Every structure is written in structure tokens, then in C-alpha cells.
Amino acid sequence: MRSWFRRHATRVYERLLERELSGTPTHVAVIQDGNRRYARKQGADASDGHRAGAQTTESLLEWCDELGIEELTLYAFSTENFERPADQRAALFDLIEDKLYDFADADRVHESEVRIRAIGETDRLPRRVRDAIAYADRRTEGYDRFYLNVALAYGGRAELLGAARDIAEDVDSGMLDPNAIDVEAIENRLYEGPTREVDLIIRTGGAERTSNFLPWHANGNEAAAYFCAPYWPEFRKIDFLRAIRTYEHRENSWRRKRARRALALIRAASGQELEEARRILGRFRGSLTDSELEDIDVPVESDHGLGGD
């Protein structure tokens, strides 16, 4: 009776959280931490924890589809993981290989038009894992409705260092003018991977750090971060909805900050600067109180109204 009541209460709370959300992130990145600790707590082998975590990953894909999220990046195997004992690495490679083939052949993947890609120094992975990556890539290469990026042999610092070296070599050879180095020049030299900037990073397992994960795509976008105690196999839809609520709160705070900055600029600027400030303020007008706006005449153009961008 108690377990039934708990499940019923959980479903009710899930529906409440969903109703409270007014928007969702476009791109979510997840650090799936705690598989081994979960296994130890259960008195099982580490490989059992990783398999349980893989089931949570499948559920996460369903939740993303339900909420209209367009891109998901999973931190499956970092460059630091190569330092693990050989038997642990082999078990992880077995699981990654199996899941890549399973996902590539799953009906729901093709029905939802999921594009599966691996990002990272994949040439460092065993041949059998690289073959599974290539298979998943071929099977889903025509899809673009949802992107699933699997970070394998990935390290954010190594990615940025590689881009810096490539740029230095191109400048030294005369192929690139130093004055032409811009955001696009750097992004063209990063791992082929995410199609969008990261809006929200989730980390399970209790640690409150992003562990060198997608520094360019997340930090540059000031992505929201949600840290939670459950180990990855214990992560529930409620936890996911709470993470999205954190993103929504950060987004609303960001909009208010931009609006107040534009309001301050209107009070101090003139001419072209004034028009630009008014345009920005028009986009974020709904983030300010009436008292903050009452002494300012702010025309809101229809192309830049709330939701216009």
C-alpha cells in the first residue's frame, strides 16, 4: 500500500512540475556519474551499475522526446577513463559497443529520427568500438529531428588545446591571418559534435563540478548547471524536471539582467545607442516591473516582441 501511494504521489508531482514549466532547453548535456557507487551500494559488480545506468539513459531519451528537447550530449567515456584498470575499460567498451548497436537498430530511434554521433578522440578507442560508432553514424546519418551526441574519449581541455595548435600551425604556414581568428575559426577546429550551444548541464552522483565537459559550448553560453545527489541509475524523471526548472529560473534571471542593463543604457545614452538600447529593452520588456518602465517611453517593434526571436 505504501509503495503504491509513493508511486501515485510521484506521478502527481511529475505532472505538477511539467505544468509549472513554461519552456525547455534546446540542448541538454549530462554527466552520468555514480554507476559504480550505485553498484557497490547494491552489492553488485561495477558492470552491473553501468548496465543499470544504460537503462536510465534510454528513459532520458524518452523524456527528451516528450518535452521537445532537440539535442542531448552524454559524457560516456572521458580521456581520464583511459587510466582505469584494463578490466574496467574492457567492460565499459563492451557496454558502449552493445548500446551503440542497440540504439542504431532501435525502432524508436528511427521513428523519432534520432541522429547518433560520437564526439572526442575516437581514434584512441578499440577498433570494435569505432566500428560500432561508424555503424550508428551510417544508420542515422539522414536524420536531423533530434541529435544524440555520445562523448567518447572526450576531454574539453584537450579539445581546446587541439584547436589552438591547429590555429597556430595554420598561422605559421601562412594559411590563416592572425587578424582573421574569430569564433568561427575556433569552432571549425573543435571536435565534430554538438550542433548547438549547451543550455543545461546535469551531473548526478553528488559532485558539483562539470569535469572538463564541453567548456566551449557550455561556458560560452553561460549554461545553467544542475547537480543532484542520486546516482545515475537512480535518476528519475522528477530529477530531470527539477533540472529543467533550474534552467528556466536561470533563463528568467538572465532576461531580467539584460533588460535592466538596457534600461540603464537608455537613461544614459543618446542617438544610435539609444535606439539599440530601446530595441533590446523591447525584447525583454516583460522581464521588468511596471515601476521600472513607467518613466520610459519604449516602443516595441512587432519583429522584436517577446517570443519574436
Protein backbone atom coordinates (compact mmCIF):
# COMPACT_ATOMS: atom_id res chain seq x y z
CA MET A 1 0.00 0.00 0.00
CA ARG A 2 2.80 2.39 0.91
CA SER A 3 4.70 1.71 -2.33
CA TRP A 4 1.51 2.30 -4.35
CA PHE A 5 0.94 5.62 -2.59
CA ARG A 6 4.56 6.62 -3.22
CA ARG A 7 4.30 5.83 -6.95
CA HIS A 8 0.98 7.71 -7.19
CA ALA A 9 2.43 10.74 -5.37
CA THR A 10 5.45 10.68 -7.68
CA ARG A 11 3.26 10.73 -10.80
CA VAL A 12 1.19 13.61 -9.38
CA TYR A 13 4.36 15.59 -8.60
CA GLU A 14 5.71 14.92 -12.09
CA ARG A 15 2.55 16.34 -13.65
CA LEU A 16 2.74 19.37 -11.36
CA LEU A 17 6.34 20.07 -12.35
CA GLU A 18 5.51 19.72 -16.04
CA ARG A 19 2.63 22.19 -15.73
CA GLU A 20 4.89 24.70 -13.99
CA LEU A 21 7.40 24.70 -16.85
CA SER A 22 6.90 27.43 -19.43
CA GLY A 23 9.86 26.47 -21.61
CA THR A 24 12.54 23.85 -22.06
CA PRO A 25 16.20 23.98 -23.06
CA THR A 26 17.15 23.11 -26.62
CA HIS A 27 20.38 21.28 -25.76
CA VAL A 28 20.98 19.31 -22.55
CA ALA A 29 24.33 17.75 -21.62
CA VAL A 30 24.58 15.06 -18.93
CA ILE A 31 27.47 13.79 -16.81
CA GLN A 32 26.21 10.33 -15.84
CA ASP A 33 28.06 9.90 -12.57
CA GLY A 34 27.63 7.25 -9.89
CA ASN A 35 27.23 3.96 -11.75
CA ARG A 36 30.00 2.21 -9.80
CA ARG A 37 28.93 3.64 -6.43
CA TYR A 38 25.37 2.52 -7.15
CA ALA A 39 26.66 -0.99 -7.85
CA ARG A 40 28.65 -1.04 -4.60
CA LYS A 41 25.57 0.08 -2.68
CA GLN A 42 23.66 -2.83 -4.25
CA GLY A 43 26.47 -5.27 -3.53
CA ALA A 44 26.92 -5.83 -7.29
CA ASP A 45 29.76 -5.58 -9.79
CA ALA A 46 30.66 -2.26 -11.44
CA SER A 47 29.48 -3.62 -14.79
CA ASP A 48 26.00 -4.13 -13.29
CA GLY A 49 25.95 -0.46 -12.31
CA HIS A 50 26.87 0.60 -15.83
CA ARG A 51 24.11 -1.58 -17.29
CA ALA A 52 21.59 -0.07 -14.86
CA GLY A 53 22.80 3.37 -15.92
CA ALA A 54 22.26 2.45 -19.57
CA GLN A 55 18.59 1.81 -18.77
CA THR A 56 18.33 5.33 -17.29
CA THR A 57 19.84 6.68 -20.50
CA GLU A 58 17.08 5.02 -22.51
CA SER A 59 14.48 6.62 -20.24
CA LEU A 60 16.18 10.00 -20.64
CA LEU A 61 15.80 9.79 -24.40
CA GLU A 62 12.05 9.26 -23.94
CA TRP A 63 11.79 12.24 -21.57
CA CYS A 64 13.63 14.47 -24.03
CA ASP A 65 11.24 13.43 -26.78
CA GLU A 66 8.19 14.12 -24.58
CA LEU A 67 9.45 17.61 -23.66
CA GLY A 68 10.56 18.66 -27.14
CA ILE A 69 14.29 18.89 -26.37
CA GLU A 70 16.25 18.82 -29.63
CA GLU A 71 19.77 17.76 -28.63
CA LEU A 72 21.33 15.62 -25.92
CA THR A 73 25.02 15.08 -25.22
CA LEU A 74 26.12 12.26 -22.90
CA TYR A 75 29.52 12.06 -21.22
CA ALA A 76 30.10 8.33 -21.71
CA PHE A 77 33.89 7.97 -21.57
CA SER A 78 36.41 10.69 -20.76
CA THR A 79 40.08 10.82 -21.67
CA GLU A 80 40.80 10.32 -17.94
CA ASN A 81 38.93 6.99 -18.09
CA PHE A 82 41.85 5.51 -20.03
CA GLU A 83 43.69 5.46 -16.68
CA ARG A 84 41.23 2.93 -15.24
CA PRO A 85 42.31 -0.74 -14.88
CA ALA A 86 42.19 -2.74 -18.09
CA ASP A 87 39.30 -4.94 -16.96
CA GLN A 88 37.14 -1.90 -16.14
CA ARG A 89 37.92 -0.32 -19.51
CA ALA A 90 37.06 -3.55 -21.31
CA ALA A 91 33.70 -3.82 -19.54
CA LEU A 92 32.88 -0.20 -20.43
CA PHE A 93 33.87 -0.74 -24.04
CA ASP A 94 31.66 -3.83 -24.19
CA LEU A 95 28.68 -1.86 -22.91
CA ILE A 96 29.30 1.14 -25.19
CA GLU A 97 29.66 -1.13 -28.21
CA ASP A 98 26.46 -3.02 -27.42
CA LYS A 99 24.42 0.12 -26.75
CA LEU A 100 25.58 1.85 -29.93
CA TYR A 101 24.38 -1.11 -31.98
CA ASP A 102 21.15 -1.34 -29.95
CA PHE A 103 20.36 2.35 -30.36
CA ALA A 104 21.24 2.32 -34.05
CA ASP A 105 18.75 -0.51 -34.67
CA ALA A 106 16.01 0.59 -32.25
CA ASP A 107 12.64 1.32 -33.84
CA ARG A 108 12.08 4.35 -31.58
CA VAL A 109 15.34 5.89 -32.81
CA HIS A 110 14.20 5.69 -36.42
CA GLU A 111 10.62 6.70 -35.64
CA SER A 112 11.90 9.78 -33.81
CA GLU A 113 14.60 10.43 -36.46
CA VAL A 114 17.47 10.49 -33.98
CA ARG A 115 20.91 11.35 -35.33
CA ILE A 116 23.59 9.50 -33.37
CA ARG A 117 27.15 10.82 -33.38
CA ALA A 118 30.29 10.32 -31.29
CA ILE A 119 32.49 13.25 -30.27
CA GLY A 120 36.02 13.07 -28.93
CA GLU A 121 39.34 11.45 -29.79
CA THR A 122 37.59 8.35 -31.11
CA ASP A 123 40.76 7.13 -32.85
CA ARG A 124 42.02 6.18 -29.36
CA LEU A 125 39.17 3.70 -28.86
CA PRO A 126 39.38 -0.03 -29.66
CA ARG A 127 38.56 -0.99 -33.24
CA ARG A 128 35.34 -2.74 -32.23
CA VAL A 129 34.01 0.44 -30.60
CA ARG A 130 34.99 2.51 -33.63
CA ASP A 131 33.12 0.03 -35.82
CA ALA A 132 30.01 0.44 -33.65
CA ILE A 133 30.34 4.24 -33.91
CA ALA A 134 30.56 4.01 -37.70
CA TYR A 135 27.53 1.72 -37.80
CA ALA A 136 25.39 4.09 -35.72
CA ASP A 137 26.53 7.00 -37.85
CA ARG A 138 25.59 5.26 -41.10
CA ARG A 139 22.21 4.08 -39.79
CA THR A 140 21.13 7.56 -38.67
CA GLU A 141 23.01 9.92 -40.98
CA GLY A 142 19.85 11.10 -42.73
CA TYR A 143 18.09 12.27 -39.56
CA ASP A 144 18.03 15.74 -38.01
CA ARG A 145 14.94 15.87 -35.79
CA PHE A 146 16.89 15.01 -32.63
CA TYR A 147 20.67 14.84 -32.08
CA LEU A 148 22.23 12.36 -29.67
CA ASN A 149 25.93 13.07 -29.13
CA VAL A 150 27.93 10.46 -27.26
CA ALA A 151 31.17 11.88 -25.82
CA LEU A 152 33.78 9.11 -26.09
CA ALA A 153 37.47 9.61 -25.31
CA TYR A 154 36.44 13.20 -24.71
CA GLY A 155 38.28 15.92 -22.79
CA GLY A 156 37.31 19.57 -23.04
CA ARG A 157 40.79 20.90 -22.30
CA ALA A 158 42.32 18.58 -24.89
CA GLU A 159 39.73 19.75 -27.41
CA LEU A 160 40.61 23.42 -26.88
CA LEU A 161 44.35 22.70 -26.92
CA GLY A 162 43.97 20.84 -30.21
CA ALA A 163 42.09 23.77 -31.73
CA ALA A 164 44.79 26.18 -30.51
CA ARG A 165 47.55 24.04 -32.02
CA ASP A 166 45.73 23.81 -35.35
CA ILE A 167 45.31 27.57 -35.46
CA ALA A 168 48.98 28.13 -34.57
CA GLU A 169 50.07 25.77 -37.36
CA ASP A 170 47.82 27.48 -39.90
CA VAL A 171 49.12 30.91 -38.89
CA ASP A 172 52.73 29.68 -39.06
CA SER A 173 52.20 28.22 -42.54
CA GLY A 174 50.53 31.39 -43.78
CA MET A 175 47.16 29.70 -44.32
CA LEU A 176 45.48 31.86 -41.67
CA ASP A 177 45.80 35.58 -40.97
CA PRO A 178 46.05 36.18 -37.20
CA ASN A 179 43.57 39.03 -37.61
CA ALA A 180 41.07 36.56 -39.07
CA ILE A 181 40.96 34.40 -35.91
CA ASP A 182 37.41 34.58 -34.64
CA VAL A 183 34.78 32.37 -33.03
CA GLU A 184 34.11 30.57 -36.30
CA ALA A 185 37.81 29.84 -36.79
CA ILE A 186 37.97 28.14 -33.41
CA GLU A 187 34.69 26.25 -33.79
CA ASN A 188 35.82 24.87 -37.16
CA ARG A 189 38.74 23.23 -35.35
CA LEU A 190 36.82 21.69 -32.46
CA TYR A 191 35.64 18.08 -32.48
CA GLU A 192 32.79 17.47 -34.86
CA GLY A 193 29.93 17.30 -32.44
CA PRO A 194 27.20 19.47 -30.92
CA THR A 195 25.16 21.49 -33.37
CA ARG A 196 24.02 23.97 -30.72
CA GLU A 197 25.39 25.65 -27.62
CA VAL A 198 24.58 23.86 -24.38
CA ASP A 199 21.71 25.34 -22.35
CA LEU A 200 21.81 22.99 -19.36
CA ILE A 201 24.41 20.65 -17.83
CA ILE A 202 23.20 17.96 -15.43
CA ARG A 203 25.51 16.00 -13.17
CA THR A 204 24.32 13.15 -10.96
CA GLY A 205 26.12 11.45 -8.08
CA GLY A 206 26.59 14.40 -5.71
CA ALA A 207 29.71 16.08 -7.15
CA GLU A 208 29.33 19.77 -8.01
CA ARG A 209 31.72 20.25 -10.91
CA THR A 210 31.49 19.98 -14.69
CA SER A 211 34.70 17.94 -15.08
CA ASN A 212 36.12 19.40 -18.27
CA PHE A 213 32.88 18.75 -20.17
CA LEU A 214 32.05 20.89 -23.22
CA PRO A 215 33.77 24.06 -21.94
CA TRP A 216 33.40 25.92 -25.23
CA HIS A 217 29.77 25.01 -25.87
CA ALA A 218 28.57 25.38 -22.26
CA ASN A 219 30.63 28.07 -20.56
CA GLY A 220 30.48 30.39 -23.55
CA ASN A 221 26.70 30.17 -23.40
CA GLU A 222 26.64 30.55 -19.60
CA ALA A 223 24.74 27.28 -19.42
CA ALA A 224 22.72 26.50 -16.32
CA ALA A 225 24.11 23.69 -14.17
CA TYR A 226 22.11 21.25 -12.06
CA PHE A 227 23.86 18.97 -9.57
CA CYS A 228 21.90 16.27 -7.77
CA ALA A 229 22.63 13.51 -5.28
CA PRO A 230 21.06 10.42 -6.94
CA TYR A 231 23.47 8.10 -8.69
CA TRP A 232 22.82 7.89 -12.42
CA PRO A 233 20.85 4.60 -12.25
CA GLU A 234 18.59 6.27 -9.65
CA PHE A 235 17.96 9.42 -11.70
CA ARG A 236 14.21 9.87 -12.24
CA LYS A 237 12.00 12.00 -14.43
CA ILE A 238 11.31 14.17 -11.37
CA ASP A 239 15.03 14.92 -11.15
CA PHE A 240 15.09 15.79 -14.85
CA LEU A 241 12.13 18.15 -14.47
CA ARG A 242 13.79 19.82 -11.48
CA ALA A 243 16.90 20.33 -13.61
CA ILE A 244 14.83 21.99 -16.33
CA ARG A 245 13.21 24.20 -13.70
CA THR A 246 16.73 25.32 -12.69
CA TYR A 247 17.43 26.18 -16.33
CA GLU A 248 14.18 28.14 -16.54
CA HIS A 249 14.99 30.14 -13.41
CA ARG A 250 18.46 30.98 -14.77
CA GLU A 251 16.96 31.98 -18.12
CA ASN A 252 14.45 34.29 -16.46
CA SER A 253 17.21 35.81 -14.33
CA TRP A 254 19.33 36.37 -17.45
CA ARG A 255 16.44 38.10 -19.21
CA ARG A 256 15.91 40.43 -16.25
CA LYS A 257 19.61 41.25 -16.14
CA ARG A 258 19.67 42.09 -19.86
CA ALA A 259 16.52 44.18 -19.56
CA ARG A 260 17.84 46.19 -16.61
CA ARG A 261 21.15 46.73 -18.39
CA ALA A 262 19.29 48.07 -21.44
CA LEU A 263 17.13 50.26 -19.18
CA ALA A 264 20.24 51.76 -17.60
CA LEU A 265 21.68 52.37 -21.07
CA ILE A 266 18.52 54.18 -22.17
CA ARG A 267 18.85 56.52 -19.23
CA ALA A 268 22.48 57.27 -20.09
CA ALA A 269 22.69 57.03 -23.89
CA SER A 270 21.58 59.01 -26.89
CA GLY A 271 21.35 58.74 -30.67
CA GLN A 272 22.08 55.35 -32.23
CA GLU A 273 22.99 53.84 -28.85
CA LEU A 274 19.60 54.88 -27.53
CA GLU A 275 17.76 53.20 -30.39
CA GLU A 276 19.74 49.98 -29.90
CA ALA A 277 19.04 50.02 -26.17
CA ARG A 278 15.33 50.55 -26.80
CA ARG A 279 15.29 47.65 -29.23
CA ILE A 280 16.93 45.33 -26.68
CA LEU A 281 14.65 46.52 -23.92
CA GLY A 282 11.65 45.89 -26.14
CA ARG A 283 12.64 42.23 -26.44
CA PHE A 284 12.91 41.83 -22.66
CA ARG A 285 10.21 44.26 -21.57
CA GLY A 286 8.16 41.56 -19.89
CA SER A 287 11.07 40.87 -17.52
CA LEU A 288 10.75 44.29 -15.81
CA THR A 289 8.17 45.63 -13.40
CA ASP A 290 5.77 48.42 -14.36
CA SER A 291 7.50 50.77 -11.91
CA GLU A 292 10.84 50.23 -13.66
CA LEU A 293 9.27 51.14 -17.02
CA GLU A 294 6.79 53.83 -16.08
CA ASP A 295 9.10 56.78 -16.75
CA ILE A 296 10.49 55.40 -20.05
CA ASP A 297 8.78 55.52 -23.43
CA VAL A 298 9.77 52.18 -25.00
CA PRO A 299 8.33 51.44 -28.47
CA VAL A 300 8.19 47.70 -29.07
CA GLU A 301 8.50 46.70 -32.70
CA SER A 302 6.45 43.66 -33.70
CA ASP A 303 9.50 41.84 -35.06
CA HIS A 304 11.22 42.06 -31.68
CA GLY A 305 8.40 41.38 -29.26
CA LEU A 306 8.59 38.69 -26.66
CA GLY A 307 8.97 35.38 -28.39
CA GLY A 308 9.94 37.02 -31.68
CA ASP A 309 13.42 35.61 -31.53
